[in-house]
Amino acid sequence: MSMSDGVKKERTPLEVWLSFISALVWPLLLAITLIVFKSDIQNLLGKVRSSEIAGAKFTFEQTANGYILDKLDEIVKEKSEVGRKLIAERMRETSDVIGSIPPKSFGYFITGVGEHFWGKSIYESDKKYFDYLVNSKLVIVEKEKEVSSFRVRLTYTNKGRFLLKQIGFSDDDMKHAKFVEN
């Protein structure tokens, strides 16, 4: 029923169906658009310059700038030429690694330092970001069985541990992280 000039008017079945269909049109168009452009949207999201994972927000420019400033301070404070060259070389190596990691992968890399697990749905939807870390030999993804599913956790390789230390993680920061046993 609808109100027109204070008089209740009953809607016909056709009007009810048209109203129902019109309410479904935009969500249906949105779903079709997302399906058609899924790969383009995923590629775009992979190039995002900032991220939020597990409530931690960061931009990659801030992370890189902080790292560079810390290393420049170390170079200035270092007395020996050999020491300065070593710091500069490590800085170049670390910058190359950080610069090659997609932002979302880097977010998972940092978040995994805590006692953090990701469920099956997150892992499967973002598998390419986890795979990037594995292919870069920074982590091993370990699946732990649950009753009807699984969850994943990162185990850091020596290369991953080195990168964490280079970007400023202390041993105390990494006390809950899992590392490959040597």
N, C-alpha and C. Protein backbone atom coordinates (compact mmCIF):
# COMPACT_ATOMS: atom_id res chain seq x y z
N MET A 1 0.83 -1.18 0.00
CA MET A 1 0.00 0.00 0.00
C MET A 1 0.87 1.24 0.00
N SER A 2 0.45 2.26 -0.69
CA SER A 2 1.16 3.52 -0.69
C SER A 2 0.19 4.63 -0.37
N MET A 3 0.74 5.76 0.07
CA MET A 3 -0.08 6.90 0.45
C MET A 3 0.01 7.95 -0.64
N SER A 4 -1.14 8.41 -1.13
CA SER A 4 -1.20 9.48 -2.10
C SER A 4 -2.31 10.41 -1.69
N ASP A 5 -1.94 11.62 -1.30
CA ASP A 5 -2.90 12.61 -0.80
C ASP A 5 -3.69 12.09 0.39
N GLY A 6 -3.05 11.31 1.24
CA GLY A 6 -3.68 10.83 2.45
C GLY A 6 -4.58 9.63 2.24
N VAL A 7 -4.69 9.14 1.01
CA VAL A 7 -5.54 7.99 0.72
C VAL A 7 -4.63 6.80 0.44
N LYS A 8 -4.90 5.71 1.13
CA LYS A 8 -4.10 4.50 0.92
C LYS A 8 -4.47 3.87 -0.39
N LYS A 9 -3.44 3.56 -1.18
CA LYS A 9 -3.65 2.93 -2.48
C LYS A 9 -2.88 1.62 -2.49
N GLU A 10 -3.53 0.56 -2.82
CA GLU A 10 -2.88 -0.74 -2.85
C GLU A 10 -2.08 -0.89 -4.14
N ARG A 11 -0.87 -1.44 -4.00
CA ARG A 11 0.00 -1.63 -5.16
C ARG A 11 -0.35 -2.92 -5.86
N THR A 12 -0.23 -2.89 -7.16
CA THR A 12 -0.51 -4.09 -7.95
C THR A 12 0.67 -5.04 -7.83
N PRO A 13 0.46 -6.32 -8.12
CA PRO A 13 1.58 -7.27 -8.09
C PRO A 13 2.71 -6.86 -9.02
N LEU A 14 2.38 -6.26 -10.16
CA LEU A 14 3.41 -5.80 -11.09
C LEU A 14 4.26 -4.71 -10.45
N GLU A 15 3.63 -3.76 -9.75
CA GLU A 15 4.36 -2.68 -9.08
C GLU A 15 5.26 -3.24 -7.98
N VAL A 16 4.78 -4.23 -7.27
CA VAL A 16 5.58 -4.86 -6.21
C VAL A 16 6.82 -5.51 -6.83
N TRP A 17 6.66 -6.27 -7.92
CA TRP A 17 7.77 -6.92 -8.58
C TRP A 17 8.74 -5.91 -9.16
N LEU A 18 8.24 -4.86 -9.79
CA LEU A 18 9.12 -3.84 -10.35
C LEU A 18 9.92 -3.15 -9.24
N SER A 19 9.29 -2.89 -8.12
CA SER A 19 9.98 -2.28 -6.98
C SER A 19 11.08 -3.22 -6.47
N PHE A 20 10.76 -4.50 -6.38
CA PHE A 20 11.73 -5.50 -5.92
C PHE A 20 12.91 -5.59 -6.88
N ILE A 21 12.63 -5.67 -8.18
CA ILE A 21 13.68 -5.78 -9.19
C ILE A 21 14.55 -4.52 -9.21
N SER A 22 13.93 -3.35 -9.09
CA SER A 22 14.72 -2.11 -9.11
C SER A 22 15.64 -2.02 -7.89
N ALA A 23 15.23 -2.62 -6.78
CA ALA A 23 16.08 -2.63 -5.59
C ALA A 23 17.29 -3.54 -5.79
N LEU A 24 17.19 -4.53 -6.67
CA LEU A 24 18.28 -5.48 -6.90
C LEU A 24 19.21 -5.08 -8.05
N VAL A 25 18.82 -4.12 -8.86
CA VAL A 25 19.60 -3.79 -10.06
C VAL A 25 20.99 -3.30 -9.72
N TRP A 26 21.15 -2.30 -8.85
CA TRP A 26 22.50 -1.75 -8.61
C TRP A 26 23.41 -2.75 -7.92
N PRO A 27 22.94 -3.56 -6.92
CA PRO A 27 23.87 -4.55 -6.37
C PRO A 27 24.30 -5.60 -7.40
N LEU A 28 23.36 -5.96 -8.28
CA LEU A 28 23.68 -6.92 -9.33
C LEU A 28 24.70 -6.35 -10.31
N LEU A 29 24.53 -5.10 -10.70
CA LEU A 29 25.49 -4.46 -11.59
C LEU A 29 26.86 -4.34 -10.94
N LEU A 30 26.88 -4.02 -9.65
CA LEU A 30 28.14 -3.94 -8.92
C LEU A 30 28.83 -5.30 -8.90
N ALA A 31 28.08 -6.35 -8.61
CA ALA A 31 28.66 -7.70 -8.57
C ALA A 31 29.21 -8.09 -9.94
N ILE A 32 28.47 -7.81 -11.00
CA ILE A 32 28.94 -8.13 -12.35
C ILE A 32 30.22 -7.36 -12.67
N THR A 33 30.25 -6.07 -12.31
CA THR A 33 31.43 -5.25 -12.55
C THR A 33 32.64 -5.80 -11.81
N LEU A 34 32.45 -6.18 -10.54
CA LEU A 34 33.56 -6.74 -9.75
C LEU A 34 34.06 -8.05 -10.35
N ILE A 35 33.15 -8.87 -10.83
CA ILE A 35 33.56 -10.15 -11.43
C ILE A 35 34.32 -9.91 -12.73
N VAL A 36 33.81 -9.02 -13.57
CA VAL A 36 34.44 -8.76 -14.86
C VAL A 36 35.83 -8.15 -14.68
N PHE A 37 35.97 -7.22 -13.72
CA PHE A 37 37.23 -6.50 -13.56
C PHE A 37 38.04 -7.00 -12.35
N LYS A 38 37.78 -8.23 -11.91
CA LYS A 38 38.44 -8.77 -10.72
C LYS A 38 39.96 -8.70 -10.80
N SER A 39 40.54 -9.17 -11.90
CA SER A 39 42.01 -9.19 -12.01
C SER A 39 42.57 -7.76 -12.06
N ASP A 40 41.89 -6.85 -12.74
CA ASP A 40 42.35 -5.46 -12.78
C ASP A 40 42.32 -4.83 -11.39
N ILE A 41 41.27 -5.11 -10.64
CA ILE A 41 41.14 -4.57 -9.28
C ILE A 41 42.23 -5.16 -8.39
N GLN A 42 42.49 -6.47 -8.51
CA GLN A 42 43.54 -7.09 -7.70
C GLN A 42 44.91 -6.51 -8.03
N ASN A 43 45.18 -6.27 -9.30
CA ASN A 43 46.47 -5.67 -9.69
C ASN A 43 46.61 -4.26 -9.13
N LEU A 44 45.53 -3.51 -9.18
CA LEU A 44 45.54 -2.15 -8.64
C LEU A 44 45.80 -2.16 -7.14
N LEU A 45 45.12 -3.06 -6.43
CA LEU A 45 45.31 -3.14 -4.98
C LEU A 45 46.74 -3.55 -4.63
N GLY A 46 47.37 -4.34 -5.49
CA GLY A 46 48.75 -4.75 -5.25
C GLY A 46 49.74 -3.62 -5.36
N LYS A 47 49.33 -2.52 -5.99
CA LYS A 47 50.21 -1.37 -6.17
C LYS A 47 49.94 -0.26 -5.17
N VAL A 48 49.07 -0.52 -4.22
CA VAL A 48 48.74 0.48 -3.22
C VAL A 48 49.99 0.84 -2.43
N ARG A 49 50.15 2.08 -2.12
CA ARG A 49 51.35 2.55 -1.43
C ARG A 49 51.20 2.59 0.09
N SER A 50 50.02 2.29 0.60
CA SER A 50 49.85 2.20 2.04
C SER A 50 48.98 1.00 2.32
N SER A 51 48.97 0.57 3.56
CA SER A 51 48.22 -0.63 3.90
C SER A 51 47.80 -0.58 5.35
N GLU A 52 46.80 -1.38 5.66
CA GLU A 52 46.38 -1.58 7.04
C GLU A 52 46.15 -3.06 7.20
N ILE A 53 46.90 -3.65 8.10
CA ILE A 53 46.75 -5.06 8.35
C ILE A 53 46.73 -5.26 9.86
N ALA A 54 45.73 -5.94 10.32
CA ALA A 54 45.54 -6.20 11.75
C ALA A 54 45.55 -4.91 12.56
N GLY A 55 44.95 -3.87 12.01
CA GLY A 55 44.84 -2.60 12.72
C GLY A 55 46.07 -1.71 12.64
N ALA A 56 47.15 -2.22 12.06
CA ALA A 56 48.37 -1.42 11.94
C ALA A 56 48.36 -0.71 10.59
N LYS A 57 48.34 0.62 10.62
CA LYS A 57 48.36 1.40 9.38
C LYS A 57 49.77 1.91 9.14
N PHE A 58 50.20 1.83 7.89
CA PHE A 58 51.51 2.35 7.55
C PHE A 58 51.56 2.67 6.08
N THR A 59 52.44 3.62 5.75
CA THR A 59 52.71 3.90 4.35
C THR A 59 54.13 3.44 4.09
N PHE A 60 54.39 3.05 2.88
CA PHE A 60 55.71 2.53 2.57
C PHE A 60 56.73 3.63 2.46
N GLU A 61 56.28 4.84 2.12
CA GLU A 61 57.21 5.96 2.11
C GLU A 61 57.71 6.25 3.52
N GLN A 62 56.81 6.19 4.51
CA GLN A 62 57.21 6.43 5.90
C GLN A 62 58.19 5.36 6.36
N THR A 63 57.88 4.10 6.05
CA THR A 63 58.75 3.00 6.45
C THR A 63 60.13 3.15 5.81
N ALA A 64 60.16 3.43 4.53
CA ALA A 64 61.43 3.58 3.82
C ALA A 64 62.19 4.80 4.33
N ASN A 65 61.49 5.92 4.51
CA ASN A 65 62.15 7.13 5.01
C ASN A 65 62.75 6.91 6.39
N GLY A 66 62.00 6.26 7.27
CA GLY A 66 62.52 5.98 8.61
C GLY A 66 63.75 5.10 8.57
N TYR A 67 63.73 4.10 7.72
CA TYR A 67 64.87 3.21 7.58
C TYR A 67 66.08 3.98 7.06
N ILE A 68 65.89 4.77 6.02
CA ILE A 68 67.00 5.52 5.42
C ILE A 68 67.60 6.51 6.41
N LEU A 69 66.75 7.22 7.14
CA LEU A 69 67.25 8.18 8.11
C LEU A 69 68.05 7.49 9.22
N ASP A 70 67.55 6.34 9.69
CA ASP A 70 68.29 5.60 10.72
C ASP A 70 69.67 5.17 10.20
N LYS A 71 69.71 4.69 8.98
CA LYS A 71 70.99 4.23 8.42
C LYS A 71 71.94 5.40 8.15
N LEU A 72 71.41 6.52 7.72
CA LEU A 72 72.27 7.70 7.52
C LEU A 72 72.88 8.15 8.84
N ASP A 73 72.08 8.08 9.92
CA ASP A 73 72.62 8.40 11.25
C ASP A 73 73.77 7.44 11.60
N GLU A 74 73.58 6.15 11.30
CA GLU A 74 74.64 5.17 11.58
C GLU A 74 75.90 5.49 10.78
N ILE A 75 75.73 5.84 9.51
CA ILE A 75 76.89 6.16 8.66
C ILE A 75 77.63 7.37 9.21
N VAL A 76 76.89 8.40 9.62
CA VAL A 76 77.52 9.61 10.15
C VAL A 76 78.28 9.29 11.44
N LYS A 77 77.74 8.44 12.29
CA LYS A 77 78.36 8.12 13.57
C LYS A 77 79.54 7.14 13.43
N GLU A 78 79.54 6.38 12.36
CA GLU A 78 80.60 5.39 12.17
C GLU A 78 81.93 6.09 11.91
N LYS A 79 82.95 5.69 12.64
CA LYS A 79 84.26 6.33 12.54
C LYS A 79 85.10 5.81 11.38
N SER A 80 85.01 4.52 11.10
CA SER A 80 85.90 3.95 10.07
C SER A 80 85.25 3.98 8.69
N GLU A 81 86.10 4.14 7.70
CA GLU A 81 85.64 4.13 6.30
C GLU A 81 85.06 2.77 5.93
N VAL A 82 85.70 1.71 6.39
CA VAL A 82 85.23 0.35 6.11
C VAL A 82 83.84 0.15 6.72
N GLY A 83 83.66 0.62 7.94
CA GLY A 83 82.36 0.50 8.61
C GLY A 83 81.26 1.26 7.86
N ARG A 84 81.60 2.46 7.39
CA ARG A 84 80.62 3.26 6.62
C ARG A 84 80.24 2.55 5.32
N LYS A 85 81.25 1.97 4.66
CA LYS A 85 80.98 1.26 3.41
C LYS A 85 80.09 0.03 3.66
N LEU A 86 80.35 -0.67 4.76
CA LEU A 86 79.56 -1.85 5.10
C LEU A 86 78.10 -1.46 5.37
N ILE A 87 77.90 -0.38 6.12
CA ILE A 87 76.53 0.09 6.41
C ILE A 87 75.85 0.51 5.11
N ALA A 88 76.55 1.21 4.26
CA ALA A 88 75.98 1.66 2.98
C ALA A 88 75.60 0.46 2.10
N GLU A 89 76.44 -0.56 2.08
CA GLU A 89 76.15 -1.76 1.28
C GLU A 89 74.93 -2.48 1.83
N ARG A 90 74.85 -2.65 3.13
CA ARG A 90 73.67 -3.28 3.74
C ARG A 90 72.41 -2.46 3.45
N MET A 91 72.57 -1.16 3.49
CA MET A 91 71.45 -0.26 3.21
C MET A 91 70.95 -0.45 1.78
N ARG A 92 71.88 -0.54 0.84
CA ARG A 92 71.51 -0.77 -0.56
C ARG A 92 70.80 -2.11 -0.73
N GLU A 93 71.36 -3.16 -0.13
CA GLU A 93 70.76 -4.50 -0.23
C GLU A 93 69.35 -4.51 0.36
N THR A 94 69.20 -3.92 1.53
CA THR A 94 67.90 -3.89 2.20
C THR A 94 66.90 -3.07 1.42
N SER A 95 67.33 -1.92 0.91
CA SER A 95 66.45 -1.08 0.11
C SER A 95 65.98 -1.81 -1.15
N ASP A 96 66.88 -2.56 -1.77
CA ASP A 96 66.51 -3.34 -2.95
C ASP A 96 65.42 -4.37 -2.61
N VAL A 97 65.60 -5.05 -1.48
CA VAL A 97 64.61 -6.06 -1.08
C VAL A 97 63.27 -5.39 -0.75
N ILE A 98 63.31 -4.35 0.07
CA ILE A 98 62.07 -3.67 0.45
C ILE A 98 61.37 -3.10 -0.79
N GLY A 99 62.13 -2.50 -1.68
CA GLY A 99 61.55 -1.91 -2.88
C GLY A 99 60.92 -2.91 -3.82
N SER A 100 61.33 -4.17 -3.73
CA SER A 100 60.79 -5.18 -4.64
C SER A 100 59.56 -5.89 -4.08
N ILE A 101 59.25 -5.67 -2.81
CA ILE A 101 58.13 -6.37 -2.18
C ILE A 101 56.84 -5.57 -2.35
N PRO A 102 55.78 -6.20 -2.87
CA PRO A 102 54.50 -5.49 -2.95
C PRO A 102 54.07 -5.02 -1.55
N PRO A 103 53.46 -3.86 -1.46
CA PRO A 103 53.08 -3.32 -0.15
C PRO A 103 52.27 -4.28 0.72
N LYS A 104 51.33 -4.99 0.14
CA LYS A 104 50.52 -5.89 0.95
C LYS A 104 51.36 -7.05 1.48
N SER A 105 52.28 -7.55 0.67
CA SER A 105 53.19 -8.61 1.12
C SER A 105 54.05 -8.10 2.28
N PHE A 106 54.54 -6.88 2.14
CA PHE A 106 55.37 -6.28 3.19
C PHE A 106 54.56 -6.13 4.48
N GLY A 107 53.28 -5.78 4.34
CA GLY A 107 52.40 -5.68 5.50
C GLY A 107 52.26 -7.02 6.22
N TYR A 108 52.07 -8.09 5.47
CA TYR A 108 52.00 -9.42 6.08
C TYR A 108 53.34 -9.80 6.71
N PHE A 109 54.43 -9.44 6.05
CA PHE A 109 55.77 -9.73 6.56
C PHE A 109 55.96 -9.10 7.94
N ILE A 110 55.58 -7.84 8.07
CA ILE A 110 55.74 -7.13 9.35
C ILE A 110 54.75 -7.64 10.40
N THR A 111 53.51 -7.84 10.00
CA THR A 111 52.48 -8.28 10.94
C THR A 111 52.77 -9.66 11.50
N GLY A 112 53.39 -10.51 10.70
CA GLY A 112 53.67 -11.87 11.13
C GLY A 112 54.68 -11.99 12.25
N VAL A 113 55.36 -10.91 12.59
CA VAL A 113 56.36 -10.94 13.66
C VAL A 113 55.71 -11.25 15.00
N GLY A 114 54.49 -10.77 15.20
CA GLY A 114 53.77 -11.10 16.44
C GLY A 114 53.22 -12.51 16.35
N GLU A 115 52.50 -12.91 17.37
CA GLU A 115 51.87 -14.23 17.34
C GLU A 115 50.61 -14.12 16.49
N HIS A 116 50.79 -13.97 15.20
CA HIS A 116 49.66 -13.70 14.33
C HIS A 116 49.42 -14.87 13.37
N PHE A 117 48.16 -15.25 13.27
CA PHE A 117 47.73 -16.29 12.34
C PHE A 117 46.71 -15.70 11.40
N TRP A 118 46.64 -16.25 10.19
CA TRP A 118 45.63 -15.85 9.23
C TRP A 118 44.79 -17.07 8.90
N GLY A 119 43.49 -16.87 8.80
CA GLY A 119 42.58 -17.95 8.47
C GLY A 119 42.65 -18.33 7.00
N LYS A 120 42.01 -19.44 6.70
CA LYS A 120 42.01 -19.99 5.34
C LYS A 120 41.51 -18.98 4.32
N SER A 121 40.43 -18.27 4.62
CA SER A 121 39.85 -17.37 3.62
C SER A 121 40.80 -16.21 3.28
N ILE A 122 41.44 -15.64 4.28
CA ILE A 122 42.40 -14.55 4.02
C ILE A 122 43.60 -15.10 3.25
N TYR A 123 44.11 -16.23 3.69
CA TYR A 123 45.26 -16.81 3.02
C TYR A 123 44.96 -17.10 1.55
N GLU A 124 43.81 -17.72 1.30
CA GLU A 124 43.49 -18.07 -0.09
C GLU A 124 43.21 -16.85 -0.95
N SER A 125 42.59 -15.80 -0.37
CA SER A 125 42.30 -14.61 -1.19
C SER A 125 43.56 -13.79 -1.44
N ASP A 126 44.53 -13.84 -0.54
CA ASP A 126 45.76 -13.07 -0.69
C ASP A 126 46.98 -13.97 -0.91
N LYS A 127 46.77 -15.17 -1.40
CA LYS A 127 47.84 -16.14 -1.54
C LYS A 127 49.03 -15.60 -2.32
N LYS A 128 48.78 -14.80 -3.35
CA LYS A 128 49.90 -14.29 -4.15
C LYS A 128 50.83 -13.41 -3.32
N TYR A 129 50.30 -12.73 -2.31
CA TYR A 129 51.14 -11.88 -1.47
C TYR A 129 51.99 -12.73 -0.52
N PHE A 130 51.40 -13.81 -0.01
CA PHE A 130 52.17 -14.74 0.82
C PHE A 130 53.22 -15.46 -0.04
N ASP A 131 52.79 -15.88 -1.25
CA ASP A 131 53.71 -16.56 -2.16
C ASP A 131 54.90 -15.68 -2.51
N TYR A 132 54.68 -14.39 -2.63
CA TYR A 132 55.79 -13.49 -2.96
C TYR A 132 56.85 -13.55 -1.86
N LEU A 133 56.41 -13.55 -0.61
CA LEU A 133 57.35 -13.63 0.51
C LEU A 133 58.10 -14.97 0.51
N VAL A 134 57.39 -16.04 0.18
CA VAL A 134 58.02 -17.36 0.12
C VAL A 134 59.02 -17.41 -1.04
N ASN A 135 58.61 -16.93 -2.22
CA ASN A 135 59.50 -16.95 -3.38
C ASN A 135 60.73 -16.05 -3.20
N SER A 136 60.59 -15.03 -2.36
CA SER A 136 61.72 -14.15 -2.03
C SER A 136 62.61 -14.74 -0.95
N LYS A 137 62.24 -15.92 -0.48
CA LYS A 137 62.99 -16.65 0.56
C LYS A 137 63.09 -15.88 1.87
N LEU A 138 62.02 -15.12 2.17
CA LEU A 138 61.97 -14.38 3.44
C LEU A 138 61.24 -15.17 4.51
N VAL A 139 60.27 -15.97 4.10
CA VAL A 139 59.46 -16.73 5.06
C VAL A 139 59.11 -18.10 4.49
N ILE A 140 58.63 -18.94 5.38
CA ILE A 140 57.97 -20.19 5.02
C ILE A 140 56.56 -20.06 5.58
N VAL A 141 55.57 -20.39 4.79
CA VAL A 141 54.18 -20.35 5.26
C VAL A 141 53.85 -21.72 5.81
N GLU A 142 53.48 -21.77 7.09
CA GLU A 142 53.13 -23.03 7.72
C GLU A 142 51.63 -23.08 7.94
N LYS A 143 51.02 -24.16 7.48
CA LYS A 143 49.59 -24.36 7.68
C LYS A 143 49.39 -25.23 8.91
N GLU A 144 48.50 -24.79 9.76
CA GLU A 144 48.16 -25.57 10.95
C GLU A 144 46.70 -26.00 10.81
N LYS A 145 46.48 -27.29 10.91
CA LYS A 145 45.13 -27.83 10.77
C LYS A 145 44.26 -27.38 11.93
N GLU A 146 43.02 -27.05 11.60
CA GLU A 146 41.99 -26.82 12.59
C GLU A 146 40.90 -27.84 12.32
N VAL A 147 39.84 -27.82 13.07
CA VAL A 147 38.81 -28.84 12.96
C VAL A 147 38.33 -29.00 11.52
N SER A 148 37.86 -27.94 10.89
CA SER A 148 37.33 -28.08 9.53
C SER A 148 38.07 -27.21 8.52
N SER A 149 39.19 -26.64 8.91
CA SER A 149 39.90 -25.72 8.03
C SER A 149 41.38 -25.72 8.39
N PHE A 150 42.03 -24.61 8.16
CA PHE A 150 43.41 -24.44 8.57
C PHE A 150 43.67 -22.95 8.78
N ARG A 151 44.78 -22.66 9.42
CA ARG A 151 45.26 -21.29 9.55
C ARG A 151 46.73 -21.29 9.21
N VAL A 152 47.26 -20.14 8.86
CA VAL A 152 48.66 -20.07 8.48
C VAL A 152 49.42 -19.12 9.39
N ARG A 153 50.69 -19.39 9.50
CA ARG A 153 51.61 -18.56 10.27
C ARG A 153 52.91 -18.48 9.49
N LEU A 154 53.59 -17.36 9.64
CA LEU A 154 54.87 -17.19 8.96
C LEU A 154 56.01 -17.67 9.84
N THR A 155 56.92 -18.42 9.25
CA THR A 155 58.18 -18.77 9.88
C THR A 155 59.25 -18.05 9.06
N TYR A 156 60.06 -17.27 9.74
CA TYR A 156 61.04 -16.43 9.07
C TYR A 156 62.33 -17.20 8.80
N THR A 157 62.87 -17.01 7.60
CA THR A 157 64.16 -17.58 7.25
C THR A 157 65.25 -16.65 7.80
N ASN A 158 66.50 -17.06 7.63
CA ASN A 158 67.61 -16.19 8.05
C ASN A 158 67.57 -14.86 7.29
N LYS A 159 67.23 -14.93 6.00
CA LYS A 159 67.13 -13.71 5.20
C LYS A 159 66.00 -12.82 5.74
N GLY A 160 64.90 -13.43 6.13
CA GLY A 160 63.79 -12.68 6.71
C GLY A 160 64.17 -12.04 8.04
N ARG A 161 64.87 -12.81 8.88
CA ARG A 161 65.34 -12.28 10.17
C ARG A 161 66.28 -11.09 9.95
N PHE A 162 67.19 -11.25 8.98
CA PHE A 162 68.13 -10.17 8.68
C PHE A 162 67.38 -8.91 8.25
N LEU A 163 66.38 -9.06 7.38
CA LEU A 163 65.61 -7.91 6.92
C LEU A 163 64.86 -7.25 8.09
N LEU A 164 64.28 -8.06 8.96
CA LEU A 164 63.59 -7.50 10.13
C LEU A 164 64.55 -6.68 10.99
N LYS A 165 65.73 -7.22 11.21
CA LYS A 165 66.73 -6.48 12.01
C LYS A 165 67.14 -5.19 11.30
N GLN A 166 67.31 -5.28 9.98
CA GLN A 166 67.73 -4.10 9.22
C GLN A 166 66.70 -2.98 9.26
N ILE A 167 65.42 -3.33 9.32
CA ILE A 167 64.39 -2.29 9.34
C ILE A 167 64.01 -1.87 10.75
N GLY A 168 64.76 -2.37 11.74
CA GLY A 168 64.61 -1.84 13.08
C GLY A 168 63.95 -2.72 14.11
N PHE A 169 63.65 -3.97 13.80
CA PHE A 169 63.06 -4.85 14.80
C PHE A 169 64.15 -5.33 15.75
N SER A 170 63.90 -5.22 17.04
CA SER A 170 64.86 -5.70 18.04
C SER A 170 64.55 -7.16 18.36
N ASP A 171 65.45 -7.80 19.09
CA ASP A 171 65.20 -9.17 19.53
C ASP A 171 63.93 -9.24 20.37
N ASP A 172 63.70 -8.21 21.18
CA ASP A 172 62.49 -8.17 22.01
C ASP A 172 61.24 -8.05 21.13
N ASP A 173 61.31 -7.25 20.08
CA ASP A 173 60.18 -7.12 19.15
C ASP A 173 59.85 -8.46 18.50
N MET A 174 60.89 -9.28 18.31
CA MET A 174 60.72 -10.53 17.58
C MET A 174 60.58 -11.75 18.49
N LYS A 175 60.35 -11.53 19.78
CA LYS A 175 60.34 -12.67 20.71
C LYS A 175 59.22 -13.66 20.43
N HIS A 176 58.14 -13.25 19.78
CA HIS A 176 57.03 -14.17 19.48
C HIS A 176 57.08 -14.69 18.05
N ALA A 177 58.04 -14.19 17.27
CA ALA A 177 58.18 -14.64 15.89
C ALA A 177 58.76 -16.04 15.87
N LYS A 178 58.43 -16.76 14.82
CA LYS A 178 58.96 -18.12 14.65
C LYS A 178 60.03 -18.08 13.57
N PHE A 179 61.19 -18.68 13.86
CA PHE A 179 62.32 -18.67 12.93
C PHE A 179 62.72 -20.10 12.57
N VAL A 180 63.28 -20.23 11.37
CA VAL A 180 63.81 -21.51 10.93
C VAL A 180 64.95 -21.88 11.85
N GLU A 181 64.97 -23.11 12.30
CA GLU A 181 66.06 -23.58 13.16
C GLU A 181 67.26 -23.90 12.29
N ASN A 182 68.43 -23.45 12.72
CA ASN A 182 69.66 -23.73 11.95
C ASN A 182 70.34 -24.96 12.51
